[in-house]
Amino acid sequence: MSDTPRLIGIILCERVLQDVLRVDAVSCINIYNGITAQSFPAVVPLVFAFAQVSGSQTGFEYQFKIADGGGNVVAISPPANVEPLRNQFVTHKIISAFSGLTFNSEGTYEIILEIAGKPIGSLPFQVVLLQQAPAPVN
């Protein structure tokens, strides 16, 4: 049986707060389902990717990638290491930040979580162009 963690969920949000005394207590603030852009390229100054994965009794390396609808990677988080857990029933909470995230066109993007260089799951993310209201007719 593989000890590779299993993805429970991914969230994209504006801010992640982690309790100093209980590091397993995490709050995700302003969760994104997608963004509406006034023009392209659209830049999001700072966005966090947060995921929960099943417990692992061995350490592992993870990384988030963002790909456009054609599978082209448009952003990559730095690789990060996770320490093993003593209890396999406790979940790992993993976080990465993207600064200056740029979307060049509208479409469906994928937030991909990789562990040990292999994708274990993803979250679809919509980027749409704001539709201007037509000018009133006199």
C-alpha atoms as a PDB file:
ATOM      1  CA  MET A   1       0.000   0.000   0.000  1.00  0.00           C
ATOM      2  CA  SER A   2       1.297   3.434  -0.957  1.00  0.00           C
ATOM      3  CA  ASP A   3       1.768   6.069   1.714  1.00  0.00           C
ATOM      4  CA  THR A   4       1.125   8.837  -0.832  1.00  0.00           C
ATOM      5  CA  PRO A   5      -1.439  11.207   0.689  1.00  0.00           C
ATOM      6  CA  ARG A   6      -4.919  11.342  -0.834  1.00  0.00           C
ATOM      7  CA  LEU A   7      -6.427  14.732  -1.706  1.00  0.00           C
ATOM      8  CA  ILE A   8      -9.383  15.776   0.433  1.00  0.00           C
ATOM      9  CA  GLY A   9      -9.885  19.268  -1.008  1.00  0.00           C
ATOM     10  CA  ILE A  10      -8.325  22.410  -2.487  1.00  0.00           C
ATOM     11  CA  ILE A  11      -9.372  26.007  -1.824  1.00  0.00           C
ATOM     12  CA  LEU A  12      -8.126  29.230  -3.402  1.00  0.00           C
ATOM     13  CA  CYS A  13      -8.494  32.240  -1.126  1.00  0.00           C
ATOM     14  CA  GLU A  14      -7.317  35.752  -0.373  1.00  0.00           C
ATOM     15  CA  ARG A  15      -5.839  34.974   3.041  1.00  0.00           C
ATOM     16  CA  VAL A  16      -5.055  32.000   5.287  1.00  0.00           C
ATOM     17  CA  LEU A  17      -4.939  32.403   9.061  1.00  0.00           C
ATOM     18  CA  GLN A  18      -3.276  29.714  11.147  1.00  0.00           C
ATOM     19  CA  ASP A  19      -3.633  29.570  14.933  1.00  0.00           C
ATOM     20  CA  VAL A  20      -0.297  29.965  16.711  1.00  0.00           C
ATOM     21  CA  LEU A  21      -1.166  27.558  19.517  1.00  0.00           C
ATOM     22  CA  ARG A  22      -3.108  25.019  17.444  1.00  0.00           C
ATOM     23  CA  VAL A  23      -1.464  24.889  14.007  1.00  0.00           C
ATOM     24  CA  ASP A  24      -4.157  22.478  12.813  1.00  0.00           C
ATOM     25  CA  ALA A  25      -6.727  25.312  13.241  1.00  0.00           C
ATOM     26  CA  VAL A  26      -6.798  27.138   9.903  1.00  0.00           C
ATOM     27  CA  SER A  27      -9.195  29.785   8.530  1.00  0.00           C
ATOM     28  CA  CYS A  28      -9.486  30.544   4.804  1.00  0.00           C
ATOM     29  CA  ILE A  29     -10.708  34.100   4.156  1.00  0.00           C
ATOM     30  CA  ASN A  30     -12.474  35.247   0.941  1.00  0.00           C
ATOM     31  CA  ILE A  31     -12.603  31.952  -0.915  1.00  0.00           C
ATOM     32  CA  TYR A  32     -12.426  32.287  -4.712  1.00  0.00           C
ATOM     33  CA  ASN A  33     -14.615  30.304  -7.104  1.00  0.00           C
ATOM     34  CA  GLY A  34     -13.151  32.314  -9.963  1.00  0.00           C
ATOM     35  CA  ILE A  35     -12.425  35.892 -10.938  1.00  0.00           C
ATOM     36  CA  THR A  36     -14.044  38.454 -13.196  1.00  0.00           C
ATOM     37  CA  ALA A  37     -11.534  40.626 -15.042  1.00  0.00           C
ATOM     38  CA  GLN A  38     -12.135  44.040 -16.584  1.00  0.00           C
ATOM     39  CA  SER A  39      -9.379  43.403 -19.143  1.00  0.00           C
ATOM     40  CA  PHE A  40      -6.521  41.043 -19.897  1.00  0.00           C
ATOM     41  CA  PRO A  41      -3.921  40.369 -18.753  1.00  0.00           C
ATOM     42  CA  ALA A  42      -5.608  40.236 -15.323  1.00  0.00           C
ATOM     43  CA  VAL A  43      -3.341  40.266 -12.280  1.00  0.00           C
ATOM     44  CA  VAL A  44      -4.315  38.994  -8.838  1.00  0.00           C
ATOM     45  CA  PRO A  45      -1.812  40.561  -6.395  1.00  0.00           C
ATOM     46  CA  LEU A  46      -1.814  37.703  -3.863  1.00  0.00           C
ATOM     47  CA  VAL A  47      -3.732  34.429  -3.693  1.00  0.00           C
ATOM     48  CA  PHE A  48      -3.270  31.390  -1.461  1.00  0.00           C
ATOM     49  CA  ALA A  49      -3.776  27.753  -2.383  1.00  0.00           C
ATOM     50  CA  PHE A  50      -4.826  25.658   0.609  1.00  0.00           C
ATOM     51  CA  ALA A  51      -5.315  21.897   0.553  1.00  0.00           C
ATOM     52  CA  GLN A  52      -6.038  19.115   2.972  1.00  0.00           C
ATOM     53  CA  VAL A  53      -4.594  15.690   2.297  1.00  0.00           C
ATOM     54  CA  SER A  54      -4.816  12.446   4.207  1.00  0.00           C
ATOM     55  CA  GLY A  55      -2.247  11.732   6.876  1.00  0.00           C
ATOM     56  CA  SER A  56       1.096  10.261   5.918  1.00  0.00           C
ATOM     57  CA  GLN A  57       3.604   8.552   8.188  1.00  0.00           C
ATOM     58  CA  THR A  58       6.414   9.546   5.851  1.00  0.00           C
ATOM     59  CA  GLY A  59       7.361  13.066   4.813  1.00  0.00           C
ATOM     60  CA  PHE A  60       6.650  14.294   1.301  1.00  0.00           C
ATOM     61  CA  GLU A  61       7.210  17.221  -1.049  1.00  0.00           C
ATOM     62  CA  TYR A  62       4.297  19.116  -2.593  1.00  0.00           C
ATOM     63  CA  GLN A  63       3.789  21.859  -5.126  1.00  0.00           C
ATOM     64  CA  PHE A  64       0.803  23.655  -6.644  1.00  0.00           C
ATOM     65  CA  LYS A  65       0.604  24.421 -10.356  1.00  0.00           C
ATOM     66  CA  ILE A  66      -1.948  26.493 -12.255  1.00  0.00           C
ATOM     67  CA  ALA A  67      -2.636  25.455 -15.846  1.00  0.00           C
ATOM     68  CA  ASP A  68      -4.794  27.056 -18.531  1.00  0.00           C
ATOM     69  CA  GLY A  69      -7.433  25.175 -20.537  1.00  0.00           C
ATOM     70  CA  GLY A  70      -4.755  23.923 -22.942  1.00  0.00           C
ATOM     71  CA  GLY A  71      -2.723  22.371 -20.130  1.00  0.00           C
ATOM     72  CA  ASN A  72      -0.039  25.080 -20.254  1.00  0.00           C
ATOM     73  CA  VAL A  73       1.341  25.839 -16.785  1.00  0.00           C
ATOM     74  CA  VAL A  74       0.956  29.568 -16.029  1.00  0.00           C
ATOM     75  CA  ALA A  75       2.164  29.554 -12.393  1.00  0.00           C
ATOM     76  CA  ILE A  76       4.085  27.250 -10.060  1.00  0.00           C
ATOM     77  CA  SER A  77       4.528  27.487  -6.303  1.00  0.00           C
ATOM     78  CA  PRO A  78       7.911  26.682  -4.818  1.00  0.00           C
ATOM     79  CA  PRO A  79       8.285  23.057  -3.684  1.00  0.00           C
ATOM     80  CA  ALA A  80       7.669  22.584   0.042  1.00  0.00           C
ATOM     81  CA  ASN A  81       8.337  19.699   2.397  1.00  0.00           C
ATOM     82  CA  VAL A  82       5.881  18.235   4.900  1.00  0.00           C
ATOM     83  CA  GLU A  83       6.919  16.340   8.006  1.00  0.00           C
ATOM     84  CA  PRO A  84       5.322  12.955   8.727  1.00  0.00           C
ATOM     85  CA  LEU A  85       2.426  12.643  11.165  1.00  0.00           C
ATOM     86  CA  ARG A  86       2.317  10.141  14.008  1.00  0.00           C
ATOM     87  CA  ASN A  87      -1.403   9.590  13.525  1.00  0.00           C
ATOM     88  CA  GLN A  88      -2.479   8.634   9.976  1.00  0.00           C
ATOM     89  CA  PHE A  89      -6.044   9.782  10.720  1.00  0.00           C
ATOM     90  CA  VAL A  90      -4.996  13.434  11.150  1.00  0.00           C
ATOM     91  CA  THR A  91      -4.946  15.450   7.930  1.00  0.00           C
ATOM     92  CA  HIS A  92      -2.091  17.522   6.567  1.00  0.00           C
ATOM     93  CA  LYS A  93      -3.002  21.156   5.888  1.00  0.00           C
ATOM     94  CA  ILE A  94      -0.731  22.530   3.176  1.00  0.00           C
ATOM     95  CA  ILE A  95      -0.497  26.116   1.970  1.00  0.00           C
ATOM     96  CA  SER A  96       1.260  27.960  -0.854  1.00  0.00           C
ATOM     97  CA  ALA A  97       1.072  31.575  -1.995  1.00  0.00           C
ATOM     98  CA  PHE A  98       1.038  33.010  -5.511  1.00  0.00           C
ATOM     99  CA  SER A  99       2.155  36.623  -5.800  1.00  0.00           C
ATOM    100  CA  GLY A 100       1.269  38.596  -8.938  1.00  0.00           C
ATOM    101  CA  LEU A 101      -0.746  35.742 -10.445  1.00  0.00           C
ATOM    102  CA  THR A 102      -1.452  36.699 -14.078  1.00  0.00           C
ATOM    103  CA  PHE A 103      -4.233  35.392 -16.319  1.00  0.00           C
ATOM    104  CA  ASN A 104      -3.800  36.285 -20.008  1.00  0.00           C
ATOM    105  CA  SER A 105      -7.266  35.230 -21.174  1.00  0.00           C
ATOM    106  CA  GLU A 106     -10.606  34.029 -19.919  1.00  0.00           C
ATOM    107  CA  GLY A 107     -11.332  30.348 -19.560  1.00  0.00           C
ATOM    108  CA  THR A 108     -11.219  27.457 -17.140  1.00  0.00           C
ATOM    109  CA  TYR A 109      -7.932  27.030 -15.336  1.00  0.00           C
ATOM    110  CA  GLU A 110      -6.902  24.103 -13.103  1.00  0.00           C
ATOM    111  CA  ILE A 111      -5.291  24.442  -9.692  1.00  0.00           C
ATOM    112  CA  ILE A 112      -3.242  21.229  -9.554  1.00  0.00           C
ATOM    113  CA  LEU A 113      -1.691  19.722  -6.437  1.00  0.00           C
ATOM    114  CA  GLU A 114       1.363  17.553  -7.017  1.00  0.00           C
ATOM    115  CA  ILE A 115       2.982  15.319  -4.427  1.00  0.00           C
ATOM    116  CA  ALA A 116       6.433  13.932  -5.191  1.00  0.00           C
ATOM    117  CA  GLY A 117       6.092  15.377  -8.706  1.00  0.00           C
ATOM    118  CA  LYS A 118       2.813  13.578  -9.492  1.00  0.00           C
ATOM    119  CA  PRO A 119      -0.627  15.210  -9.665  1.00  0.00           C
ATOM    120  CA  ILE A 120      -3.043  13.907  -7.037  1.00  0.00           C
ATOM    121  CA  GLY A 121      -5.994  16.196  -7.825  1.00  0.00           C
ATOM    122  CA  SER A 122      -7.130  19.585  -9.041  1.00  0.00           C
ATOM    123  CA  LEU A 123      -9.706  22.342  -8.674  1.00  0.00           C
ATOM    124  CA  PRO A 124     -11.301  24.069 -11.697  1.00  0.00           C
ATOM    125  CA  PHE A 125     -11.099  27.874 -11.567  1.00  0.00           C
ATOM    126  CA  GLN A 126     -13.081  30.198 -13.864  1.00  0.00           C
ATOM    127  CA  VAL A 127     -11.642  33.435 -15.256  1.00  0.00           C
ATOM    128  CA  VAL A 128     -14.226  35.528 -17.126  1.00  0.00           C
ATOM    129  CA  LEU A 129     -14.275  38.934 -18.797  1.00  0.00           C
ATOM    130  CA  LEU A 130     -16.643  41.448 -17.198  1.00  0.00           C
ATOM    131  CA  GLN A 131     -19.452  42.130 -19.633  1.00  0.00           C
ATOM    132  CA  GLN A 132     -20.070  45.851 -20.043  1.00  0.00           C
ATOM    133  CA  ALA A 133     -23.701  46.911 -19.840  1.00  0.00           C
ATOM    134  CA  PRO A 134     -24.956  48.368 -23.130  1.00  0.00           C
ATOM    135  CA  ALA A 135     -25.377  52.130 -23.243  1.00  0.00           C
ATOM    136  CA  PRO A 136     -28.996  53.254 -22.720  1.00  0.00           C
ATOM    137  CA  VAL A 137     -30.869  54.173 -25.883  1.00  0.00           C
ATOM    138  CA  ASN A 138     -32.740  57.503 -25.914  1.00  0.00           C
END
